[in-house]
Amino acid sequence: MIHQEEISLKSLTEHEGIQISYSDNDIALVDSIQKFAELNAAHIAMNAIVFCTNGIVKANMGSKVMELRKNQISVVPQNVIITDIMVSPDFDIKALFFTGEILHNSLLEKMSLWNDVMYVQRQHIITLEDDEFLFYTSFFDMLSSAIKRQQDNPYSAEVIRALLRAAILALCGGMKQLNHLNDNDGMAPSANSHFQRFLNLLHNSEVKYRPVEAYASELCISPKYLTAICKKHSGKTATDWIREQVLEEIRYYLKQTDLSIKQVCDRIGFSNPSFFGKYVRQHLGMTPIEFRNS
């Protein structure tokens, strides 16, 4: 059996090897984790801010090789697939895990910055000086302290969420400075809004293999307009975006799970295994079975 796992609130709170200082329906604070030493792959079902406190972890995030070391922060959007995980014996982290709802409520009109960094620029790791790392980890310590001291406070949940919002905003501001990003890249507000909604819809959809028309319909715009705003904002068409996400899922399910070809086909959204096989051959140069065994 291939060792891969869904990283969610439920799996975090139920695993004995993970030290959780706080969790509710939307947030989990992890004080220490050795779990990744056991995994080959994982599907991260939540957004995460990960502070590497010791050691090194190397992995593939989609098609990109990532390496996280001590005094680095990794920002991971939800529904990301991580494969080929390798960790040093002394690897450890602190982490904040939070739902998409909390993220949207925290960033509001600044969600475009998050989407640009996470999905367009794909900048997931920030290297910091000691004092900068301490600044960001201080939010984690404040959250832990608030949880311990505010248990009887009738507004404890609101206090915790306010501190988390401050942490996310501070981190997004730092990412904006590091990547020299603008909030809307010169696009009309409505066009930028549609592009951001498309990214959110694509990355959070359970079934990603759908035509551009299906995504455009959910956004209440025309397929032609969706393709145009994607091209202007990212240099890629809506079809390019969809294909990238579909291929990432195909690679993950074929290489990192024991699901049958029919199960993979159904989960990603293909109508039948024959068409799925043709799609895999066209884009990966081999049949699904050949790719799984390669």
C-alpha atoms as a PDB file:
ATOM      1  CA  MET A   1       0.000   0.000   0.000  1.00  0.00           C
ATOM      2  CA  ILE A   2       1.360   3.421  -0.956  1.00  0.00           C
ATOM      3  CA  HIS A   3       1.580   5.626   2.134  1.00  0.00           C
ATOM      4  CA  GLN A   4      -0.269   8.807   1.299  1.00  0.00           C
ATOM      5  CA  GLU A   5      -2.761  10.760   3.338  1.00  0.00           C
ATOM      6  CA  GLU A   6      -5.287  13.548   3.439  1.00  0.00           C
ATOM      7  CA  ILE A   7      -4.102  16.347   5.754  1.00  0.00           C
ATOM      8  CA  SER A   8      -7.276  17.838   7.215  1.00  0.00           C
ATOM      9  CA  LEU A   9      -8.542  19.093  10.568  1.00  0.00           C
ATOM     10  CA  LYS A  10      -9.772  15.602  11.355  1.00  0.00           C
ATOM     11  CA  SER A  11      -6.519  13.817  10.493  1.00  0.00           C
ATOM     12  CA  LEU A  12      -4.432  16.410  12.353  1.00  0.00           C
ATOM     13  CA  THR A  13      -6.400  16.176  15.577  1.00  0.00           C
ATOM     14  CA  GLU A  14      -6.619  12.372  15.547  1.00  0.00           C
ATOM     15  CA  HIS A  15      -2.934  11.608  14.924  1.00  0.00           C
ATOM     16  CA  GLU A  16      -0.916  10.780  18.050  1.00  0.00           C
ATOM     17  CA  GLY A  17       2.369  12.008  16.560  1.00  0.00           C
ATOM     18  CA  ILE A  18       1.147  15.581  16.133  1.00  0.00           C
ATOM     19  CA  GLN A  19       1.074  18.059  19.009  1.00  0.00           C
ATOM     20  CA  ILE A  20      -2.032  20.242  18.670  1.00  0.00           C
ATOM     21  CA  SER A  21      -2.411  23.230  20.995  1.00  0.00           C
ATOM     22  CA  TYR A  22      -5.773  24.318  19.582  1.00  0.00           C
ATOM     23  CA  SER A  23      -8.351  23.269  17.021  1.00  0.00           C
ATOM     24  CA  ASP A  24     -11.937  24.104  16.105  1.00  0.00           C
ATOM     25  CA  ASN A  25     -13.984  23.740  12.936  1.00  0.00           C
ATOM     26  CA  ASP A  26     -11.798  26.232  11.034  1.00  0.00           C
ATOM     27  CA  ILE A  27      -8.337  26.448  12.647  1.00  0.00           C
ATOM     28  CA  ALA A  28      -5.633  24.132  13.981  1.00  0.00           C
ATOM     29  CA  LEU A  29      -2.372  25.159  15.687  1.00  0.00           C
ATOM     30  CA  VAL A  30       0.361  22.529  15.432  1.00  0.00           C
ATOM     31  CA  ASP A  31       3.246  22.822  17.913  1.00  0.00           C
ATOM     32  CA  SER A  32       5.283  19.924  16.552  1.00  0.00           C
ATOM     33  CA  ILE A  33       4.966  17.356  13.783  1.00  0.00           C
ATOM     34  CA  GLN A  34       6.973  14.304  12.852  1.00  0.00           C
ATOM     35  CA  LYS A  35       4.223  12.867  10.641  1.00  0.00           C
ATOM     36  CA  PHE A  36       5.833  13.737   7.310  1.00  0.00           C
ATOM     37  CA  ALA A  37       8.670  11.352   8.099  1.00  0.00           C
ATOM     38  CA  GLU A  38       6.124   8.570   7.570  1.00  0.00           C
ATOM     39  CA  LEU A  39       4.534   9.805   4.340  1.00  0.00           C
ATOM     40  CA  ASN A  40       5.367   9.449   0.672  1.00  0.00           C
ATOM     41  CA  ALA A  41       2.653  11.872  -0.393  1.00  0.00           C
ATOM     42  CA  ALA A  42      -0.137  13.998   0.990  1.00  0.00           C
ATOM     43  CA  HIS A  43      -3.130  15.987  -0.117  1.00  0.00           C
ATOM     44  CA  ILE A  44      -3.237  19.200   1.941  1.00  0.00           C
ATOM     45  CA  ALA A  45      -6.945  19.898   2.304  1.00  0.00           C
ATOM     46  CA  MET A  46      -6.456  23.197   4.192  1.00  0.00           C
ATOM     47  CA  ASN A  47      -4.469  26.385   3.826  1.00  0.00           C
ATOM     48  CA  ALA A  48      -1.299  26.326   5.911  1.00  0.00           C
ATOM     49  CA  ILE A  49       1.463  28.593   7.159  1.00  0.00           C
ATOM     50  CA  VAL A  50       4.414  26.400   8.119  1.00  0.00           C
ATOM     51  CA  PHE A  51       7.373  27.608  10.207  1.00  0.00           C
ATOM     52  CA  CYS A  52      10.370  25.303   9.862  1.00  0.00           C
ATOM     53  CA  THR A  53      12.010  25.240  13.306  1.00  0.00           C
ATOM     54  CA  ASN A  54      14.571  22.539  12.573  1.00  0.00           C
ATOM     55  CA  GLY A  55      15.971  20.324   9.814  1.00  0.00           C
ATOM     56  CA  ILE A  56      15.011  20.087   6.139  1.00  0.00           C
ATOM     57  CA  VAL A  57      12.100  18.742   4.118  1.00  0.00           C
ATOM     58  CA  LYS A  58      12.191  18.219   0.344  1.00  0.00           C
ATOM     59  CA  ALA A  59       9.116  17.442  -1.745  1.00  0.00           C
ATOM     60  CA  ASN A  60       7.351  18.048  -5.034  1.00  0.00           C
ATOM     61  CA  MET A  61       4.433  20.458  -4.900  1.00  0.00           C
ATOM     62  CA  GLY A  62       2.634  19.785  -8.137  1.00  0.00           C
ATOM     63  CA  SER A  63       5.392  19.905 -10.735  1.00  0.00           C
ATOM     64  CA  LYS A  64       7.693  22.121  -8.668  1.00  0.00           C
ATOM     65  CA  VAL A  65      10.495  20.868  -6.397  1.00  0.00           C
ATOM     66  CA  MET A  66      10.363  22.531  -2.982  1.00  0.00           C
ATOM     67  CA  GLU A  67      12.938  22.596  -0.171  1.00  0.00           C
ATOM     68  CA  LEU A  68      12.133  24.014   3.257  1.00  0.00           C
ATOM     69  CA  ARG A  69      14.876  24.657   5.811  1.00  0.00           C
ATOM     70  CA  LYS A  70      15.175  26.095   9.307  1.00  0.00           C
ATOM     71  CA  ASN A  71      14.126  29.772   9.499  1.00  0.00           C
ATOM     72  CA  GLN A  72      12.036  29.500   6.358  1.00  0.00           C
ATOM     73  CA  ILE A  73       8.272  29.823   6.081  1.00  0.00           C
ATOM     74  CA  SER A  74       6.167  27.878   3.615  1.00  0.00           C
ATOM     75  CA  VAL A  75       2.724  29.135   2.655  1.00  0.00           C
ATOM     76  CA  VAL A  76       0.528  26.388   1.214  1.00  0.00           C
ATOM     77  CA  PRO A  77      -2.904  26.901  -0.339  1.00  0.00           C
ATOM     78  CA  GLN A  78      -5.607  24.324   0.224  1.00  0.00           C
ATOM     79  CA  ASN A  79      -6.068  21.328  -2.057  1.00  0.00           C
ATOM     80  CA  VAL A  80      -2.362  21.127  -2.898  1.00  0.00           C
ATOM     81  CA  ILE A  81      -0.800  17.749  -3.665  1.00  0.00           C
ATOM     82  CA  ILE A  82       2.664  17.046  -2.226  1.00  0.00           C
ATOM     83  CA  THR A  83       4.670  14.014  -3.362  1.00  0.00           C
ATOM     84  CA  ASP A  84       8.138  12.454  -2.956  1.00  0.00           C
ATOM     85  CA  ILE A  85       8.455  13.738   0.615  1.00  0.00           C
ATOM     86  CA  MET A  86      11.895  13.369   2.211  1.00  0.00           C
ATOM     87  CA  VAL A  87      12.748  14.775   5.645  1.00  0.00           C
ATOM     88  CA  SER A  88      15.895  14.970   7.748  1.00  0.00           C
ATOM     89  CA  PRO A  89      15.832  13.081  11.093  1.00  0.00           C
ATOM     90  CA  ASP A  90      15.716  16.364  13.029  1.00  0.00           C
ATOM     91  CA  PHE A  91      12.950  17.962  10.938  1.00  0.00           C
ATOM     92  CA  ASP A  92      10.225  19.758  12.860  1.00  0.00           C
ATOM     93  CA  ILE A  93       7.745  22.576  12.318  1.00  0.00           C
ATOM     94  CA  LYS A  94       5.148  24.797  13.856  1.00  0.00           C
ATOM     95  CA  ALA A  95       2.119  25.402  11.676  1.00  0.00           C
ATOM     96  CA  LEU A  96      -1.205  27.155  11.331  1.00  0.00           C
ATOM     97  CA  PHE A  97      -3.875  25.304   9.365  1.00  0.00           C
ATOM     98  CA  PHE A  98      -7.065  27.134   8.422  1.00  0.00           C
ATOM     99  CA  THR A  99     -10.061  26.773   6.125  1.00  0.00           C
ATOM    100  CA  GLY A 100     -10.780  28.742   2.970  1.00  0.00           C
ATOM    101  CA  GLU A 101     -13.619  30.517   4.748  1.00  0.00           C
ATOM    102  CA  ILE A 102     -11.258  31.900   7.390  1.00  0.00           C
ATOM    103  CA  LEU A 103      -8.813  32.962   4.674  1.00  0.00           C
ATOM    104  CA  HIS A 104     -11.493  34.850   2.730  1.00  0.00           C
ATOM    105  CA  ASN A 105     -12.829  36.501   5.874  1.00  0.00           C
ATOM    106  CA  SER A 106      -9.297  37.575   6.814  1.00  0.00           C
ATOM    107  CA  LEU A 107      -8.156  38.951   3.454  1.00  0.00           C
ATOM    108  CA  LEU A 108     -11.423  40.173   1.884  1.00  0.00           C
ATOM    109  CA  GLU A 109     -10.413  42.508  -0.956  1.00  0.00           C
ATOM    110  CA  LYS A 110      -6.768  41.407  -0.641  1.00  0.00           C
ATOM    111  CA  MET A 111      -7.506  37.833  -1.775  1.00  0.00           C
ATOM    112  CA  SER A 112      -6.057  38.730  -5.183  1.00  0.00           C
ATOM    113  CA  LEU A 113      -2.606  39.039  -3.608  1.00  0.00           C
ATOM    114  CA  TRP A 114      -2.868  35.579  -2.069  1.00  0.00           C
ATOM    115  CA  ASN A 115      -4.005  34.075  -5.368  1.00  0.00           C
ATOM    116  CA  ASP A 116      -1.252  35.802  -7.351  1.00  0.00           C
ATOM    117  CA  VAL A 117       1.480  34.515  -5.052  1.00  0.00           C
ATOM    118  CA  MET A 118       0.031  31.029  -4.567  1.00  0.00           C
ATOM    119  CA  TYR A 119      -1.225  30.194  -8.057  1.00  0.00           C
ATOM    120  CA  VAL A 120       0.327  32.587 -10.595  1.00  0.00           C
ATOM    121  CA  GLN A 121       3.790  33.246  -9.143  1.00  0.00           C
ATOM    122  CA  ARG A 122       3.817  29.952  -7.186  1.00  0.00           C
ATOM    123  CA  GLN A 123       6.055  31.408  -4.528  1.00  0.00           C
ATOM    124  CA  HIS A 124       5.489  29.169  -1.520  1.00  0.00           C
ATOM    125  CA  ILE A 125       8.706  29.576   0.486  1.00  0.00           C
ATOM    126  CA  ILE A 126      10.020  32.704   2.163  1.00  0.00           C
ATOM    127  CA  THR A 127      13.597  32.909   3.489  1.00  0.00           C
ATOM    128  CA  LEU A 128      13.992  35.236   6.459  1.00  0.00           C
ATOM    129  CA  GLU A 129      16.655  36.689   8.679  1.00  0.00           C
ATOM    130  CA  ASP A 130      16.517  35.642  12.337  1.00  0.00           C
ATOM    131  CA  ASP A 131      14.704  38.804  13.449  1.00  0.00           C
ATOM    132  CA  GLU A 132      12.161  38.520  10.613  1.00  0.00           C
ATOM    133  CA  PHE A 133      11.517  34.868  11.402  1.00  0.00           C
ATOM    134  CA  LEU A 134      11.013  35.812  15.052  1.00  0.00           C
ATOM    135  CA  PHE A 135       8.517  38.516  14.021  1.00  0.00           C
ATOM    136  CA  TYR A 136       6.293  36.018  12.214  1.00  0.00           C
ATOM    137  CA  THR A 137       6.622  33.224  14.769  1.00  0.00           C
ATOM    138  CA  SER A 138       5.613  35.747  17.441  1.00  0.00           C
ATOM    139  CA  PHE A 139       2.100  35.618  15.955  1.00  0.00           C
ATOM    140  CA  PHE A 140       2.103  31.869  16.551  1.00  0.00           C
ATOM    141  CA  ASP A 141       3.260  32.384  20.148  1.00  0.00           C
ATOM    142  CA  MET A 142       0.609  35.049  20.691  1.00  0.00           C
ATOM    143  CA  LEU A 143      -2.060  32.700  19.394  1.00  0.00           C
ATOM    144  CA  SER A 144      -0.856  29.927  21.707  1.00  0.00           C
ATOM    145  CA  SER A 145      -0.802  32.319  24.654  1.00  0.00           C
ATOM    146  CA  ALA A 146      -4.259  33.658  23.859  1.00  0.00           C
ATOM    147  CA  ILE A 147      -5.627  30.118  23.693  1.00  0.00           C
ATOM    148  CA  LYS A 148      -4.213  29.248  27.103  1.00  0.00           C
ATOM    149  CA  ARG A 149      -5.221  32.511  28.805  1.00  0.00           C
ATOM    150  CA  GLN A 150      -8.543  33.255  27.133  1.00  0.00           C
ATOM    151  CA  GLN A 151     -10.329  29.931  27.635  1.00  0.00           C
ATOM    152  CA  ASP A 152     -12.969  31.475  29.915  1.00  0.00           C
ATOM    153  CA  ASN A 153     -13.260  34.674  27.889  1.00  0.00           C
ATOM    154  CA  PRO A 154     -16.645  34.752  26.093  1.00  0.00           C
ATOM    155  CA  TYR A 155     -14.870  36.335  23.111  1.00  0.00           C
ATOM    156  CA  SER A 156     -11.962  33.883  22.956  1.00  0.00           C
ATOM    157  CA  ALA A 157     -12.884  32.620  19.462  1.00  0.00           C
ATOM    158  CA  GLU A 158     -13.000  36.209  18.156  1.00  0.00           C
ATOM    159  CA  VAL A 159      -9.624  36.985  19.778  1.00  0.00           C
ATOM    160  CA  ILE A 160      -8.034  33.934  18.167  1.00  0.00           C
ATOM    161  CA  ARG A 161      -9.423  34.805  14.725  1.00  0.00           C
ATOM    162  CA  ALA A 162      -8.303  38.432  15.035  1.00  0.00           C
ATOM    163  CA  LEU A 163      -4.743  37.317  15.760  1.00  0.00           C
ATOM    164  CA  LEU A 164      -4.844  34.850  12.868  1.00  0.00           C
ATOM    165  CA  ARG A 165      -6.087  37.598  10.537  1.00  0.00           C
ATOM    166  CA  ALA A 166      -3.187  39.813  11.636  1.00  0.00           C
ATOM    167  CA  ALA A 167      -0.717  37.010  10.958  1.00  0.00           C
ATOM    168  CA  ILE A 168      -2.105  36.335   7.460  1.00  0.00           C
ATOM    169  CA  LEU A 169      -2.156  40.040   6.564  1.00  0.00           C
ATOM    170  CA  ALA A 170       1.407  40.559   7.798  1.00  0.00           C
ATOM    171  CA  LEU A 171       2.611  37.562   5.799  1.00  0.00           C
ATOM    172  CA  CYS A 172       0.793  38.681   2.651  1.00  0.00           C
ATOM    173  CA  GLY A 173       2.340  42.124   3.019  1.00  0.00           C
ATOM    174  CA  GLY A 174       5.769  40.523   3.263  1.00  0.00           C
ATOM    175  CA  MET A 175       5.105  38.380   0.171  1.00  0.00           C
ATOM    176  CA  LYS A 176       3.971  41.451  -1.740  1.00  0.00           C
ATOM    177  CA  GLN A 177       7.230  43.250  -0.921  1.00  0.00           C
ATOM    178  CA  LEU A 178       9.385  40.244  -1.794  1.00  0.00           C
ATOM    179  CA  ASN A 179       7.641  39.639  -5.116  1.00  0.00           C
ATOM    180  CA  HIS A 180       7.039  43.315  -6.039  1.00  0.00           C
ATOM    181  CA  LEU A 181       3.387  42.582  -6.749  1.00  0.00           C
ATOM    182  CA  ASN A 182       0.547  44.978  -7.420  1.00  0.00           C
ATOM    183  CA  ASP A 183      -2.926  44.334  -6.048  1.00  0.00           C
ATOM    184  CA  ASN A 184      -4.626  44.030  -9.444  1.00  0.00           C
ATOM    185  CA  ASP A 185      -1.832  44.185 -12.028  1.00  0.00           C
ATOM    186  CA  GLY A 186      -3.493  47.082 -13.860  1.00  0.00           C
ATOM    187  CA  MET A 187      -6.665  45.177 -14.656  1.00  0.00           C
ATOM    188  CA  ALA A 188     -10.137  46.606 -14.304  1.00  0.00           C
ATOM    189  CA  PRO A 189     -11.534  45.680 -10.870  1.00  0.00           C
ATOM    190  CA  SER A 190     -14.311  43.542 -12.366  1.00  0.00           C
ATOM    191  CA  ALA A 191     -11.913  41.609 -14.617  1.00  0.00           C
ATOM    192  CA  ASN A 192      -9.491  41.008 -11.764  1.00  0.00           C
ATOM    193  CA  SER A 193     -12.365  39.846  -9.573  1.00  0.00           C
ATOM    194  CA  HIS A 194     -13.484  37.320 -12.184  1.00  0.00           C
ATOM    195  CA  PHE A 195      -9.951  35.991 -12.577  1.00  0.00           C
ATOM    196  CA  GLN A 196      -9.542  35.588  -8.805  1.00  0.00           C
ATOM    197  CA  ARG A 197     -12.898  33.826  -8.543  1.00  0.00           C
ATOM    198  CA  PHE A 198     -11.885  31.488 -11.368  1.00  0.00           C
ATOM    199  CA  LEU A 199      -8.664  30.553  -9.544  1.00  0.00           C
ATOM    200  CA  ASN A 200     -10.579  29.893  -6.341  1.00  0.00           C
ATOM    201  CA  LEU A 201     -13.202  27.858  -8.184  1.00  0.00           C
ATOM    202  CA  LEU A 202     -10.633  25.794 -10.084  1.00  0.00           C
ATOM    203  CA  HIS A 203      -8.420  24.981  -7.119  1.00  0.00           C
ATOM    204  CA  ASN A 204     -11.292  24.211  -4.769  1.00  0.00           C
ATOM    205  CA  SER A 205     -13.440  22.146  -7.141  1.00  0.00           C
ATOM    206  CA  GLU A 206     -13.552  18.437  -6.359  1.00  0.00           C
ATOM    207  CA  VAL A 207     -13.945  17.631 -10.061  1.00  0.00           C
ATOM    208  CA  LYS A 208     -11.501  19.719 -12.082  1.00  0.00           C
ATOM    209  CA  TYR A 209     -11.812  18.170 -15.555  1.00  0.00           C
ATOM    210  CA  ARG A 210     -14.618  20.333 -16.876  1.00  0.00           C
ATOM    211  CA  PRO A 211     -14.844  22.508 -20.004  1.00  0.00           C
ATOM    212  CA  VAL A 212     -14.146  26.235 -19.865  1.00  0.00           C
ATOM    213  CA  GLU A 213     -17.873  26.764 -20.470  1.00  0.00           C
ATOM    214  CA  ALA A 214     -18.727  25.073 -17.166  1.00  0.00           C
ATOM    215  CA  TYR A 215     -16.412  27.327 -15.158  1.00  0.00           C
ATOM    216  CA  ALA A 216     -17.561  30.432 -17.058  1.00  0.00           C
ATOM    217  CA  SER A 217     -21.193  29.531 -16.395  1.00  0.00           C
ATOM    218  CA  GLU A 218     -20.575  29.357 -12.638  1.00  0.00           C
ATOM    219  CA  LEU A 219     -18.909  32.783 -12.835  1.00  0.00           C
ATOM    220  CA  CYS A 220     -21.788  34.174 -14.939  1.00  0.00           C
ATOM    221  CA  ILE A 221     -19.462  35.313 -17.728  1.00  0.00           C
ATOM    222  CA  SER A 222     -18.798  34.073 -21.263  1.00  0.00           C
ATOM    223  CA  PRO A 223     -16.071  31.484 -21.987  1.00  0.00           C
ATOM    224  CA  LYS A 224     -14.416  33.949 -24.368  1.00  0.00           C
ATOM    225  CA  TYR A 225     -14.240  36.622 -21.665  1.00  0.00           C
ATOM    226  CA  LEU A 226     -12.876  34.135 -19.095  1.00  0.00           C
ATOM    227  CA  THR A 227     -10.126  33.086 -21.500  1.00  0.00           C
ATOM    228  CA  ALA A 228      -9.292  36.722 -22.262  1.00  0.00           C
ATOM    229  CA  ILE A 229      -8.920  37.791 -18.626  1.00  0.00           C
ATOM    230  CA  CYS A 230      -6.868  34.674 -17.794  1.00  0.00           C
ATOM    231  CA  LYS A 231      -4.528  35.420 -20.690  1.00  0.00           C
ATOM    232  CA  LYS A 232      -4.162  39.064 -19.736  1.00  0.00           C
ATOM    233  CA  HIS A 233      -3.524  38.420 -16.063  1.00  0.00           C
ATOM    234  CA  SER A 234      -1.343  35.309 -16.195  1.00  0.00           C
ATOM    235  CA  GLY A 235      -0.239  34.748 -19.775  1.00  0.00           C
ATOM    236  CA  LYS A 236      -2.155  31.448 -19.787  1.00  0.00           C
ATOM    237  CA  THR A 237      -5.628  30.693 -21.084  1.00  0.00           C
ATOM    238  CA  ALA A 238      -8.409  29.191 -18.979  1.00  0.00           C
ATOM    239  CA  THR A 239      -7.826  25.889 -20.809  1.00  0.00           C
ATOM    240  CA  ASP A 240      -4.128  26.013 -19.834  1.00  0.00           C
ATOM    241  CA  TRP A 241      -5.060  26.510 -16.176  1.00  0.00           C
ATOM    242  CA  ILE A 242      -7.540  23.644 -16.211  1.00  0.00           C
ATOM    243  CA  ARG A 243      -5.117  21.295 -17.991  1.00  0.00           C
ATOM    244  CA  GLU A 244      -2.325  22.027 -15.475  1.00  0.00           C
ATOM    245  CA  GLN A 245      -4.551  21.202 -12.532  1.00  0.00           C
ATOM    246  CA  VAL A 246      -5.947  18.073 -14.172  1.00  0.00           C
ATOM    247  CA  LEU A 247      -2.464  16.756 -15.001  1.00  0.00           C
ATOM    248  CA  GLU A 248      -1.280  17.389 -11.445  1.00  0.00           C
ATOM    249  CA  GLU A 249      -4.160  15.278 -10.149  1.00  0.00           C
ATOM    250  CA  ILE A 250      -3.543  12.559 -12.722  1.00  0.00           C
ATOM    251  CA  ARG A 251       0.127  12.316 -11.719  1.00  0.00           C
ATOM    252  CA  TYR A 252      -0.809  12.181  -8.049  1.00  0.00           C
ATOM    253  CA  TYR A 253      -3.547   9.555  -8.272  1.00  0.00           C
ATOM    254  CA  LEU A 254      -1.614   7.290 -10.655  1.00  0.00           C
ATOM    255  CA  LYS A 255       1.724   7.502  -8.851  1.00  0.00           C
ATOM    256  CA  GLN A 256       0.794   8.003  -5.216  1.00  0.00           C
ATOM    257  CA  THR A 257      -2.419   6.022  -4.679  1.00  0.00           C
ATOM    258  CA  ASP A 258      -3.680   2.514  -5.264  1.00  0.00           C
ATOM    259  CA  LEU A 259      -6.933   3.657  -6.853  1.00  0.00           C
ATOM    260  CA  SER A 260      -7.892   1.721  -9.975  1.00  0.00           C
ATOM    261  CA  ILE A 261      -7.720   3.450 -13.357  1.00  0.00           C
ATOM    262  CA  LYS A 262     -11.537   3.547 -13.393  1.00  0.00           C
ATOM    263  CA  GLN A 263     -11.597   5.157  -9.932  1.00  0.00           C
ATOM    264  CA  VAL A 264      -9.022   7.769 -10.979  1.00  0.00           C
ATOM    265  CA  CYS A 265     -11.014   8.458 -14.137  1.00  0.00           C
ATOM    266  CA  ASP A 266     -14.231   8.981 -12.139  1.00  0.00           C
ATOM    267  CA  ARG A 267     -12.607  11.084  -9.415  1.00  0.00           C
ATOM    268  CA  ILE A 268     -11.031  13.581 -11.822  1.00  0.00           C
ATOM    269  CA  GLY A 269     -14.160  13.883 -13.982  1.00  0.00           C
ATOM    270  CA  PHE A 270     -13.606  11.910 -17.196  1.00  0.00           C
ATOM    271  CA  SER A 271     -16.680  10.309 -18.751  1.00  0.00           C
ATOM    272  CA  ASN A 272     -15.038   6.933 -19.408  1.00  0.00           C
ATOM    273  CA  PRO A 273     -11.655   5.146 -19.104  1.00  0.00           C
ATOM    274  CA  SER A 274     -11.143   5.132 -22.891  1.00  0.00           C
ATOM    275  CA  PHE A 275     -11.244   8.917 -23.153  1.00  0.00           C
ATOM    276  CA  PHE A 276      -9.146   9.192 -19.995  1.00  0.00           C
ATOM    277  CA  GLY A 277      -6.516   6.936 -21.556  1.00  0.00           C
ATOM    278  CA  LYS A 278      -6.390   9.052 -24.720  1.00  0.00           C
ATOM    279  CA  TYR A 279      -5.976  12.227 -22.623  1.00  0.00           C
ATOM    280  CA  VAL A 280      -3.104  10.730 -20.608  1.00  0.00           C
ATOM    281  CA  ARG A 281      -1.344   9.482 -23.761  1.00  0.00           C
ATOM    282  CA  GLN A 282      -1.731  12.890 -25.397  1.00  0.00           C
ATOM    283  CA  HIS A 283      -0.267  14.863 -22.497  1.00  0.00           C
ATOM    284  CA  LEU A 284       2.051  12.411 -20.728  1.00  0.00           C
ATOM    285  CA  GLY A 285       3.149  10.305 -23.706  1.00  0.00           C
ATOM    286  CA  MET A 286       2.055   6.925 -22.347  1.00  0.00           C
ATOM    287  CA  THR A 287      -0.992   5.024 -21.172  1.00  0.00           C
ATOM    288  CA  PRO A 288      -2.196   5.372 -17.567  1.00  0.00           C
ATOM    289  CA  ILE A 289      -0.829   1.921 -16.697  1.00  0.00           C
ATOM    290  CA  GLU A 290       2.518   2.692 -18.334  1.00  0.00           C
ATOM    291  CA  PHE A 291       2.732   6.013 -16.442  1.00  0.00           C
ATOM    292  CA  ARG A 292       1.871   4.331 -13.132  1.00  0.00           C
ATOM    293  CA  ASN A 293       4.597   1.737 -13.661  1.00  0.00           C
ATOM    294  CA  SER A 294       7.232   4.144 -15.014  1.00  0.00           C
END
